[in-house]
PDB file of N, CA and C in Angstrom:
ATOM      1  N   MET A   1       0.730  -1.411   0.098  1.00  0.00           N
ATOM      2  CA  MET A   1      -0.239   0.097   0.168  1.00  0.00           C
ATOM      3  C   MET A   1       0.823   0.836  -0.285  1.00  0.00           C
ATOM      4  N   LYS A   2       1.927   0.872   0.692  1.00  0.00           N
ATOM      5  CA  LYS A   2       2.781   2.328   0.403  1.00  0.00           C
ATOM      6  C   LYS A   2       3.329   2.758  -0.210  1.00  0.00           C
ATOM      7  N   LYS A   3       3.471   1.173  -1.578  1.00  0.00           N
ATOM      8  CA  LYS A   3       4.475   1.687  -3.197  1.00  0.00           C
ATOM      9  C   LYS A   3       3.625   2.878  -3.800  1.00  0.00           C
ATOM     10  N   VAL A   4       2.337   1.895  -3.475  1.00  0.00           N
ATOM     11  CA  VAL A   4       0.788   2.732  -4.384  1.00  0.00           C
ATOM     12  C   VAL A   4       0.876   4.124  -4.257  1.00  0.00           C
ATOM     13  N   CYS A   5       0.568   4.196  -2.694  1.00  0.00           N
ATOM     14  CA  CYS A   5       0.842   5.668  -2.096  1.00  0.00           C
ATOM     15  C   CYS A   5       2.023   7.058  -2.989  1.00  0.00           C
ATOM     16  N   ALA A   6       3.140   6.500  -2.477  1.00  0.00           N
ATOM     17  CA  ALA A   6       4.592   6.625  -3.428  1.00  0.00           C
ATOM     18  C   ALA A   6       4.336   6.764  -4.445  1.00  0.00           C
ATOM     19  N   SER A   7       3.749   5.631  -5.278  1.00  0.00           N
ATOM     20  CA  SER A   7       4.083   6.155  -7.159  1.00  0.00           C
ATOM     21  C   SER A   7       2.701   7.299  -7.063  1.00  0.00           C
ATOM     22  N   LEU A   8       2.089   7.306  -6.539  1.00  0.00           N
ATOM     23  CA  LEU A   8       0.431   8.064  -7.006  1.00  0.00           C
ATOM     24  C   LEU A   8       1.286   9.584  -6.848  1.00  0.00           C
ATOM     25  N   ALA A   9       1.840   9.709  -5.379  1.00  0.00           N
ATOM     26  CA  ALA A   9       2.741  11.143  -5.257  1.00  0.00           C
ATOM     27  C   ALA A   9       3.670  11.528  -5.987  1.00  0.00           C
ATOM     28  N   VAL A  10       4.146  10.402  -6.264  1.00  0.00           N
ATOM     29  CA  VAL A  10       5.482  10.909  -7.579  1.00  0.00           C
ATOM     30  C   VAL A  10       4.608  11.600  -8.680  1.00  0.00           C
ATOM     31  N   LEU A  11       4.157  10.106  -9.659  1.00  0.00           N
ATOM     32  CA  LEU A  11       3.121  10.571 -10.464  1.00  0.00           C
ATOM     33  C   LEU A  11       2.613  11.732 -10.367  1.00  0.00           C
ATOM     34  N   ALA A  12       1.778  12.612  -9.295  1.00  0.00           N
ATOM     35  CA  ALA A  12       0.689  13.956  -9.103  1.00  0.00           C
ATOM     36  C   ALA A  12       2.448  14.608  -9.233  1.00  0.00           C
ATOM     37  N   PHE A  13       3.364  14.447  -8.942  1.00  0.00           N
ATOM     38  CA  PHE A  13       4.318  15.510  -8.889  1.00  0.00           C
ATOM     39  C   PHE A  13       5.145  15.955 -10.158  1.00  0.00           C
ATOM     40  N   VAL A  14       4.915  15.004 -10.846  1.00  0.00           N
ATOM     41  CA  VAL A  14       5.575  15.031 -12.905  1.00  0.00           C
ATOM     42  C   VAL A  14       4.630  16.345 -13.377  1.00  0.00           C
ATOM     43  N   LEU A  15       3.073  15.087 -13.022  1.00  0.00           N
ATOM     44  CA  LEU A  15       2.268  15.957 -14.008  1.00  0.00           C
ATOM     45  C   LEU A  15       1.976  17.233 -13.377  1.00  0.00           C
ATOM     46  N   VAL A  16       2.545  18.188 -12.447  1.00  0.00           N
ATOM     47  CA  VAL A  16       2.339  19.359 -12.041  1.00  0.00           C
ATOM     48  C   VAL A  16       2.930  20.201 -12.457  1.00  0.00           C
ATOM     49  N   SER A  17       4.648  19.353 -12.421  1.00  0.00           N
ATOM     50  CA  SER A  17       5.490  20.317 -12.864  1.00  0.00           C
ATOM     51  C   SER A  17       5.930  20.113 -14.539  1.00  0.00           C
ATOM     52  N   ALA A  18       4.915  19.305 -15.169  1.00  0.00           N
ATOM     53  CA  ALA A  18       5.229  19.770 -16.980  1.00  0.00           C
ATOM     54  C   ALA A  18       3.801  20.374 -17.045  1.00  0.00           C
ATOM     55  N   ALA A  19       3.397  20.215 -16.433  1.00  0.00           N
ATOM     56  CA  ALA A  19       2.462  21.835 -16.304  1.00  0.00           C
ATOM     57  C   ALA A  19       2.865  23.030 -16.170  1.00  0.00           C
ATOM     58  N   ALA A  20       3.542  23.604 -14.854  1.00  0.00           N
ATOM     59  CA  ALA A  20       4.174  24.412 -15.174  1.00  0.00           C
ATOM     60  C   ALA A  20       5.218  24.429 -16.208  1.00  0.00           C
ATOM     61  N   LEU A  21       6.233  23.372 -16.245  1.00  0.00           N
ATOM     62  CA  LEU A  21       6.939  23.850 -17.398  1.00  0.00           C
ATOM     63  C   LEU A  21       6.528  24.307 -18.655  1.00  0.00           C
ATOM     64  N   ALA A  22       5.446  23.343 -18.922  1.00  0.00           N
ATOM     65  CA  ALA A  22       4.641  24.072 -20.148  1.00  0.00           C
ATOM     66  C   ALA A  22       4.130  25.734 -20.506  1.00  0.00           C
ATOM     67  N   GLU A  23       3.533  25.666 -19.215  1.00  0.00           N
ATOM     68  CA  GLU A  23       3.361  27.078 -18.932  1.00  0.00           C
ATOM     69  C   GLU A  23       4.714  28.483 -18.889  1.00  0.00           C
ATOM     70  N   SER A  24       5.368  27.612 -18.695  1.00  0.00           N
ATOM     71  CA  SER A  24       6.536  29.207 -18.864  1.00  0.00           C
ATOM     72  C   SER A  24       7.644  28.980 -20.247  1.00  0.00           C
ATOM     73  N   ARG A  25       7.249  28.244 -20.589  1.00  0.00           N
ATOM     74  CA  ARG A  25       8.098  28.373 -21.759  1.00  0.00           C
ATOM     75  C   ARG A  25       7.054  28.925 -23.081  1.00  0.00           C
ATOM     76  N   PRO A  26       7.648  30.098 -23.716  1.00  0.00           N
ATOM     77  CA  PRO A  26       7.292  30.429 -24.399  1.00  0.00           C
ATOM     78  C   PRO A  26       6.744  29.928 -25.416  1.00  0.00           C
ATOM     79  N   HIS A  27       5.872  30.779 -25.959  1.00  0.00           N
ATOM     80  CA  HIS A  27       4.434  30.287 -27.015  1.00  0.00           C
ATOM     81  C   HIS A  27       4.990  30.199 -28.459  1.00  0.00           C
ATOM     82  N   GLU A  28       4.848  29.512 -29.104  1.00  0.00           N
ATOM     83  CA  GLU A  28       5.079  30.061 -30.798  1.00  0.00           C
ATOM     84  C   GLU A  28       3.864  29.894 -31.843  1.00  0.00           C
ATOM     85  N   GLY A  29       4.705  30.760 -32.648  1.00  0.00           N
ATOM     86  CA  GLY A  29       2.946  30.662 -34.195  1.00  0.00           C
ATOM     87  C   GLY A  29       3.445  31.796 -35.097  1.00  0.00           C
ATOM     88  N   LYS A  30       2.045  31.743 -35.549  1.00  0.00           N
ATOM     89  CA  LYS A  30       2.585  32.075 -37.061  1.00  0.00           C
ATOM     90  C   LYS A  30       1.820  33.688 -36.961  1.00  0.00           C
ATOM     91  N   ILE A  31       2.247  34.739 -36.929  1.00  0.00           N
ATOM     92  CA  ILE A  31       0.874  35.885 -37.259  1.00  0.00           C
ATOM     93  C   ILE A  31      -0.091  36.047 -38.380  1.00  0.00           C
ATOM     94  N   THR A  32      -1.127  35.985 -37.859  1.00  0.00           N
ATOM     95  CA  THR A  32      -2.164  35.785 -39.210  1.00  0.00           C
ATOM     96  C   THR A  32      -3.052  37.457 -39.662  1.00  0.00           C
ATOM     97  N   ASN A  33      -2.899  38.374 -38.236  1.00  0.00           N
ATOM     98  CA  ASN A  33      -3.445  39.586 -38.892  1.00  0.00           C
ATOM     99  C   ASN A  33      -2.292  39.834 -37.510  1.00  0.00           C
ATOM    100  N   ILE A  34      -2.479  41.659 -38.343  1.00  0.00           N
ATOM    101  CA  ILE A  34      -1.518  42.734 -37.415  1.00  0.00           C
ATOM    102  C   ILE A  34      -2.456  44.074 -37.603  1.00  0.00           C
ATOM    103  N   ASP A  35      -3.053  44.888 -36.407  1.00  0.00           N
ATOM    104  CA  ASP A  35      -3.956  45.935 -36.122  1.00  0.00           C
ATOM    105  C   ASP A  35      -3.211  46.824 -35.650  1.00  0.00           C
ATOM    106  N   MET A  36      -1.810  47.402 -36.320  1.00  0.00           N
ATOM    107  CA  MET A  36      -1.011  48.571 -35.477  1.00  0.00           C
ATOM    108  C   MET A  36      -1.914  49.775 -35.161  1.00  0.00           C
ATOM    109  N   THR A  37      -2.737  49.810 -35.142  1.00  0.00           N
ATOM    110  CA  THR A  37      -3.217  51.095 -34.559  1.00  0.00           C
ATOM    111  C   THR A  37      -3.600  50.505 -32.856  1.00  0.00           C
ATOM    112  N   ALA A  38      -4.427  49.801 -33.693  1.00  0.00           N
ATOM    113  CA  ALA A  38      -4.895  48.458 -31.696  1.00  0.00           C
ATOM    114  C   ALA A  38      -3.680  48.089 -31.290  1.00  0.00           C
ATOM    115  N   LYS A  39      -2.482  47.989 -31.727  1.00  0.00           N
ATOM    116  CA  LYS A  39      -1.707  47.174 -31.005  1.00  0.00           C
ATOM    117  C   LYS A  39      -2.046  45.823 -30.631  1.00  0.00           C
ATOM    118  N   VAL A  40      -2.394  45.003 -31.816  1.00  0.00           N
ATOM    119  CA  VAL A  40      -2.799  43.834 -31.592  1.00  0.00           C
ATOM    120  C   VAL A  40      -2.491  42.413 -33.519  1.00  0.00           C
ATOM    121  N   LEU A  41      -2.345  41.219 -32.353  1.00  0.00           N
ATOM    122  CA  LEU A  41      -1.647  40.787 -32.842  1.00  0.00           C
ATOM    123  C   LEU A  41      -2.243  39.517 -33.046  1.00  0.00           C
ATOM    124  N   ALA A  42      -2.878  38.799 -34.105  1.00  0.00           N
ATOM    125  CA  ALA A  42      -3.552  37.958 -34.011  1.00  0.00           C
ATOM    126  C   ALA A  42      -2.502  36.316 -34.627  1.00  0.00           C
ATOM    127  N   VAL A  43      -2.196  35.634 -33.715  1.00  0.00           N
ATOM    128  CA  VAL A  43      -1.048  34.716 -33.955  1.00  0.00           C
ATOM    129  C   VAL A  43      -1.272  32.807 -33.686  1.00  0.00           C
ATOM    130  N   GLN A  44      -1.562  32.629 -35.133  1.00  0.00           N
ATOM    131  CA  GLN A  44      -1.913  30.716 -34.737  1.00  0.00           C
ATOM    132  C   GLN A  44      -0.948  30.178 -34.656  1.00  0.00           C
ATOM    133  N   GLU A  45      -1.324  29.394 -33.377  1.00  0.00           N
ATOM    134  CA  GLU A  45       0.171  28.669 -32.593  1.00  0.00           C
ATOM    135  C   GLU A  45      -0.011  27.520 -33.136  1.00  0.00           C
ATOM    136  N   GLU A  46       1.930  26.733 -32.778  1.00  0.00           N
ATOM    137  CA  GLU A  46       1.486  25.269 -32.937  1.00  0.00           C
ATOM    138  C   GLU A  46       0.684  24.362 -33.057  1.00  0.00           C
ATOM    139  N   ASN A  47       0.130  24.411 -32.435  1.00  0.00           N
ATOM    140  CA  ASN A  47      -1.278  23.503 -31.886  1.00  0.00           C
ATOM    141  C   ASN A  47      -2.220  23.918 -32.663  1.00  0.00           C
ATOM    142  N   GLY A  48      -2.845  24.992 -33.087  1.00  0.00           N
ATOM    143  CA  GLY A  48      -3.593  25.207 -33.923  1.00  0.00           C
ATOM    144  C   GLY A  48      -4.577  26.280 -33.093  1.00  0.00           C
ATOM    145  N   ASP A  49      -4.401  26.931 -32.173  1.00  0.00           N
ATOM    146  CA  ASP A  49      -5.356  27.450 -31.175  1.00  0.00           C
ATOM    147  C   ASP A  49      -4.672  29.064 -31.341  1.00  0.00           C
ATOM    148  N   GLN A  50      -5.466  29.843 -32.055  1.00  0.00           N
ATOM    149  CA  GLN A  50      -5.639  31.323 -32.169  1.00  0.00           C
ATOM    150  C   GLN A  50      -5.702  32.250 -30.964  1.00  0.00           C
ATOM    151  N   VAL A  51      -4.608  32.428 -30.876  1.00  0.00           N
ATOM    152  CA  VAL A  51      -4.024  33.886 -29.323  1.00  0.00           C
ATOM    153  C   VAL A  51      -4.206  35.530 -30.148  1.00  0.00           C
ATOM    154  N   THR A  52      -5.054  35.871 -29.484  1.00  0.00           N
ATOM    155  CA  THR A  52      -5.047  37.437 -29.788  1.00  0.00           C
ATOM    156  C   THR A  52      -4.409  38.364 -28.924  1.00  0.00           C
ATOM    157  N   LEU A  53      -2.802  38.698 -29.004  1.00  0.00           N
ATOM    158  CA  LEU A  53      -1.910  39.635 -28.488  1.00  0.00           C
ATOM    159  C   LEU A  53      -1.982  41.023 -28.313  1.00  0.00           C
ATOM    160  N   THR A  54      -1.999  41.475 -27.223  1.00  0.00           N
ATOM    161  CA  THR A  54      -1.955  43.071 -27.118  1.00  0.00           C
ATOM    162  C   THR A  54      -0.909  43.171 -27.155  1.00  0.00           C
ATOM    163  N   TRP A  55       0.047  44.500 -27.432  1.00  0.00           N
ATOM    164  CA  TRP A  55       1.590  44.913 -27.001  1.00  0.00           C
ATOM    165  C   TRP A  55       1.421  46.417 -26.713  1.00  0.00           C
ATOM    166  N   ASP A  56       2.012  46.811 -25.763  1.00  0.00           N
ATOM    167  CA  ASP A  56       2.249  48.005 -25.704  1.00  0.00           C
ATOM    168  C   ASP A  56       3.689  48.744 -25.263  1.00  0.00           C
ATOM    169  N   ASP A  57       3.926  49.326 -24.549  1.00  0.00           N
ATOM    170  CA  ASP A  57       5.486  50.368 -24.297  1.00  0.00           C
ATOM    171  C   ASP A  57       6.144  49.395 -23.419  1.00  0.00           C
ATOM    172  N   THR A  58       5.678  48.203 -22.573  1.00  0.00           N
ATOM    173  CA  THR A  58       6.279  47.314 -21.881  1.00  0.00           C
ATOM    174  C   THR A  58       6.771  46.641 -22.830  1.00  0.00           C
ATOM    175  N   THR A  59       6.229  46.128 -24.237  1.00  0.00           N
ATOM    176  CA  THR A  59       6.727  44.838 -24.746  1.00  0.00           C
ATOM    177  C   THR A  59       8.066  45.067 -24.918  1.00  0.00           C
ATOM    178  N   LYS A  60       8.722  44.039 -24.361  1.00  0.00           N
ATOM    179  CA  LYS A  60      10.095  43.591 -24.981  1.00  0.00           C
ATOM    180  C   LYS A  60      10.499  42.827 -26.399  1.00  0.00           C
ATOM    181  N   TRP A  61      11.082  43.650 -27.583  1.00  0.00           N
ATOM    182  CA  TRP A  61      10.960  43.063 -29.051  1.00  0.00           C
ATOM    183  C   TRP A  61      12.347  42.460 -28.543  1.00  0.00           C
ATOM    184  N   LYS A  62      12.565  41.236 -29.136  1.00  0.00           N
ATOM    185  CA  LYS A  62      14.103  40.687 -28.699  1.00  0.00           C
ATOM    186  C   LYS A  62      14.956  41.150 -30.573  1.00  0.00           C
ATOM    187  N   ASN A  63      16.381  41.055 -30.234  1.00  0.00           N
ATOM    188  CA  ASN A  63      16.873  41.274 -31.266  1.00  0.00           C
ATOM    189  C   ASN A  63      16.425  42.774 -32.384  1.00  0.00           C
ATOM    190  N   ASN A  64      16.541  43.827 -31.523  1.00  0.00           N
ATOM    191  CA  ASN A  64      16.173  45.033 -31.550  1.00  0.00           C
ATOM    192  C   ASN A  64      14.728  45.342 -33.076  1.00  0.00           C
ATOM    193  N   LEU A  65      14.301  44.397 -33.112  1.00  0.00           N
ATOM    194  CA  LEU A  65      12.722  44.272 -33.574  1.00  0.00           C
ATOM    195  C   LEU A  65      11.636  44.915 -33.153  1.00  0.00           C
ATOM    196  N   THR A  66      11.024  45.399 -34.184  1.00  0.00           N
ATOM    197  CA  THR A  66       9.750  46.782 -33.780  1.00  0.00           C
ATOM    198  C   THR A  66       8.886  46.703 -34.550  1.00  0.00           C
ATOM    199  N   ALA A  67       7.862  46.649 -34.032  1.00  0.00           N
ATOM    200  CA  ALA A  67       6.223  45.915 -34.669  1.00  0.00           C
ATOM    201  C   ALA A  67       6.216  46.721 -36.111  1.00  0.00           C
ATOM    202  N   GLN A  68       6.453  47.502 -36.755  1.00  0.00           N
ATOM    203  CA  GLN A  68       6.535  48.061 -37.821  1.00  0.00           C
ATOM    204  C   GLN A  68       6.864  47.135 -38.304  1.00  0.00           C
ATOM    205  N   GLU A  69       8.011  46.374 -38.300  1.00  0.00           N
ATOM    206  CA  GLU A  69       8.958  45.121 -39.042  1.00  0.00           C
ATOM    207  C   GLU A  69       8.123  43.787 -39.024  1.00  0.00           C
ATOM    208  N   LEU A  70       6.701  43.662 -38.504  1.00  0.00           N
ATOM    209  CA  LEU A  70       6.218  42.245 -38.723  1.00  0.00           C
ATOM    210  C   LEU A  70       5.941  42.737 -39.339  1.00  0.00           C
ATOM    211  N   LYS A  71       5.079  41.223 -40.379  1.00  0.00           N
ATOM    212  CA  LYS A  71       4.137  40.834 -41.174  1.00  0.00           C
ATOM    213  C   LYS A  71       3.412  39.808 -40.884  1.00  0.00           C
ATOM    214  N   VAL A  72       1.961  39.916 -41.611  1.00  0.00           N
ATOM    215  CA  VAL A  72       1.660  38.238 -41.232  1.00  0.00           C
ATOM    216  C   VAL A  72       2.390  37.134 -42.376  1.00  0.00           C
ATOM    217  N   GLY A  73       2.086  35.963 -41.722  1.00  0.00           N
ATOM    218  CA  GLY A  73       3.170  35.003 -41.700  1.00  0.00           C
ATOM    219  C   GLY A  73       4.219  34.939 -41.643  1.00  0.00           C
ATOM    220  N   ASP A  74       4.561  36.040 -40.459  1.00  0.00           N
ATOM    221  CA  ASP A  74       6.349  35.886 -39.936  1.00  0.00           C
ATOM    222  C   ASP A  74       6.013  34.470 -38.494  1.00  0.00           C
ATOM    223  N   SER A  75       6.985  33.577 -38.558  1.00  0.00           N
ATOM    224  CA  SER A  75       7.030  33.258 -36.868  1.00  0.00           C
ATOM    225  C   SER A  75       7.467  33.671 -35.783  1.00  0.00           C
ATOM    226  N   ILE A  76       6.952  33.952 -34.774  1.00  0.00           N
ATOM    227  CA  ILE A  76       7.532  33.945 -33.785  1.00  0.00           C
ATOM    228  C   ILE A  76       7.674  33.295 -32.459  1.00  0.00           C
ATOM    229  N   HIS A  77       8.309  33.892 -31.495  1.00  0.00           N
ATOM    230  CA  HIS A  77       8.109  33.394 -30.333  1.00  0.00           C
ATOM    231  C   HIS A  77       7.683  34.688 -29.969  1.00  0.00           C
ATOM    232  N   PHE A  78       6.501  34.018 -28.216  1.00  0.00           N
ATOM    233  CA  PHE A  78       6.220  35.047 -27.346  1.00  0.00           C
ATOM    234  C   PHE A  78       5.664  34.442 -26.242  1.00  0.00           C
ATOM    235  N   ASP A  79       5.532  35.541 -25.266  1.00  0.00           N
ATOM    236  CA  ASP A  79       5.714  35.482 -23.656  1.00  0.00           C
ATOM    237  C   ASP A  79       4.452  36.592 -23.620  1.00  0.00           C
ATOM    238  N   PHE A  80       3.525  36.079 -22.599  1.00  0.00           N
ATOM    239  CA  PHE A  80       2.098  37.288 -22.313  1.00  0.00           C
ATOM    240  C   PHE A  80       1.953  36.886 -20.867  1.00  0.00           C
ATOM    241  N   VAL A  81       0.609  37.697 -20.692  1.00  0.00           N
ATOM    242  CA  VAL A  81       0.505  37.591 -19.261  1.00  0.00           C
ATOM    243  C   VAL A  81      -0.971  38.143 -19.224  1.00  0.00           C
ATOM    244  N   ASP A  82      -1.330  37.130 -18.861  1.00  0.00           N
ATOM    245  CA  ASP A  82      -3.289  37.501 -18.649  1.00  0.00           C
ATOM    246  C   ASP A  82      -4.296  38.485 -18.182  1.00  0.00           C
ATOM    247  N   LYS A  83      -4.195  39.986 -18.400  1.00  0.00           N
ATOM    248  CA  LYS A  83      -4.741  40.720 -17.359  1.00  0.00           C
ATOM    249  C   LYS A  83      -6.442  41.134 -18.008  1.00  0.00           C
ATOM    250  N   GLN A  84      -7.037  40.961 -17.051  1.00  0.00           N
ATOM    251  CA  GLN A  84      -8.339  41.091 -17.329  1.00  0.00           C
ATOM    252  C   GLN A  84      -9.213  40.071 -18.644  1.00  0.00           C
ATOM    253  N   GLY A  85      -8.133  39.539 -18.789  1.00  0.00           N
ATOM    254  CA  GLY A  85      -9.288  38.691 -20.119  1.00  0.00           C
ATOM    255  C   GLY A  85      -7.746  39.063 -21.164  1.00  0.00           C
ATOM    256  N   GLN A  86      -7.723  39.738 -21.284  1.00  0.00           N
ATOM    257  CA  GLN A  86      -6.876  40.177 -22.512  1.00  0.00           C
ATOM    258  C   GLN A  86      -4.976  39.430 -21.673  1.00  0.00           C
ATOM    259  N   LYS A  87      -4.843  39.415 -23.292  1.00  0.00           N
ATOM    260  CA  LYS A  87      -3.431  38.216 -23.522  1.00  0.00           C
ATOM    261  C   LYS A  87      -2.213  39.880 -23.498  1.00  0.00           C
ATOM    262  N   PHE A  88      -1.296  40.253 -22.945  1.00  0.00           N
ATOM    263  CA  PHE A  88      -0.911  41.762 -23.055  1.00  0.00           C
ATOM    264  C   PHE A  88       0.557  40.685 -23.154  1.00  0.00           C
ATOM    265  N   ALA A  89       1.437  41.091 -24.367  1.00  0.00           N
ATOM    266  CA  ALA A  89       2.781  40.215 -24.909  1.00  0.00           C
ATOM    267  C   ALA A  89       3.647  40.782 -24.096  1.00  0.00           C
ATOM    268  N   THR A  90       4.422  40.250 -23.483  1.00  0.00           N
ATOM    269  CA  THR A  90       5.646  40.852 -22.284  1.00  0.00           C
ATOM    270  C   THR A  90       7.187  40.612 -23.417  1.00  0.00           C
ATOM    271  N   GLU A  91       7.063  39.947 -24.529  1.00  0.00           N
ATOM    272  CA  GLU A  91       8.115  40.106 -24.885  1.00  0.00           C
ATOM    273  C   GLU A  91       8.551  39.188 -26.421  1.00  0.00           C
ATOM    274  N   ILE A  92       8.615  39.554 -27.536  1.00  0.00           N
ATOM    275  CA  ILE A  92       8.185  38.812 -28.679  1.00  0.00           C
ATOM    276  C   ILE A  92       9.557  38.848 -29.726  1.00  0.00           C
ATOM    277  N   HIS A  93       9.798  37.566 -30.193  1.00  0.00           N
ATOM    278  CA  HIS A  93      10.765  37.728 -30.911  1.00  0.00           C
ATOM    279  C   HIS A  93      10.477  37.428 -32.614  1.00  0.00           C
ATOM    280  N   ARG A  94      10.849  37.283 -33.425  1.00  0.00           N
ATOM    281  CA  ARG A  94      11.121  36.650 -34.632  1.00  0.00           C
ATOM    282  C   ARG A  94      11.601  35.642 -34.723  1.00  0.00           C
ATOM    283  N   THR A  95      11.268  34.664 -35.421  1.00  0.00           N
ATOM    284  CA  THR A  95      12.076  33.560 -35.842  1.00  0.00           C
ATOM    285  C   THR A  95      12.170  32.977 -36.954  1.00  0.00           C
ATOM    286  N   HIS A  96      11.331  33.743 -38.077  1.00  0.00           N
ATOM    287  CA  HIS A  96      11.280  33.547 -39.398  1.00  0.00           C
ATOM    288  C   HIS A  96      10.446  34.474 -39.906  1.00  0.00           C
ATOM    289  N   LYS A  97      11.355  35.247 -41.278  1.00  0.00           N
ATOM    290  CA  LYS A  97      10.180  36.170 -41.804  1.00  0.00           C
ATOM    291  C   LYS A  97       9.797  35.204 -43.229  1.00  0.00           C
ATOM    292  N   ALA A  98       8.514  36.135 -43.056  1.00  0.00           N
ATOM    293  CA  ALA A  98       7.529  35.440 -44.369  1.00  0.00           C
ATOM    294  C   ALA A  98       8.157  35.639 -45.475  1.00  0.00           C
ATOM    295  N   LYS A  99       7.872  34.530 -46.470  1.00  0.00           N
ATOM    296  CA  LYS A  99       8.208  35.327 -47.926  1.00  0.00           C
ATOM    297  C   LYS A  99       7.259  36.772 -48.553  1.00  0.00           C
ATOM    298  N   SER A 100       7.946  37.289 -49.272  1.00  0.00           N
ATOM    299  CA  SER A 100       7.455  38.476 -49.881  1.00  0.00           C
ATOM    300  C   SER A 100       7.134  38.166 -50.914  1.00  0.00           C
TER     301      SER A 100
END
């Protein structure tokens, strides 16, 4: 009985750790729409989920990237925080430029 309890405890720890790790890793996806006026990006993640990201002056743009350089079809890595139901980008890094 002790072995079963110990095994279940280890399994629970592994599952919680995996979920925490997945949540902390950057998200990846392809830009499907950009609204420069509203400062909003629509991104389709690798798993097919659609994410709407808002950016502001606190967003960190990696490798001297600017919002004006982004194009629909670019692939990005991004981190975000959820504030009042909106996803605010904390960091954006372009990983692949869209073909012109």
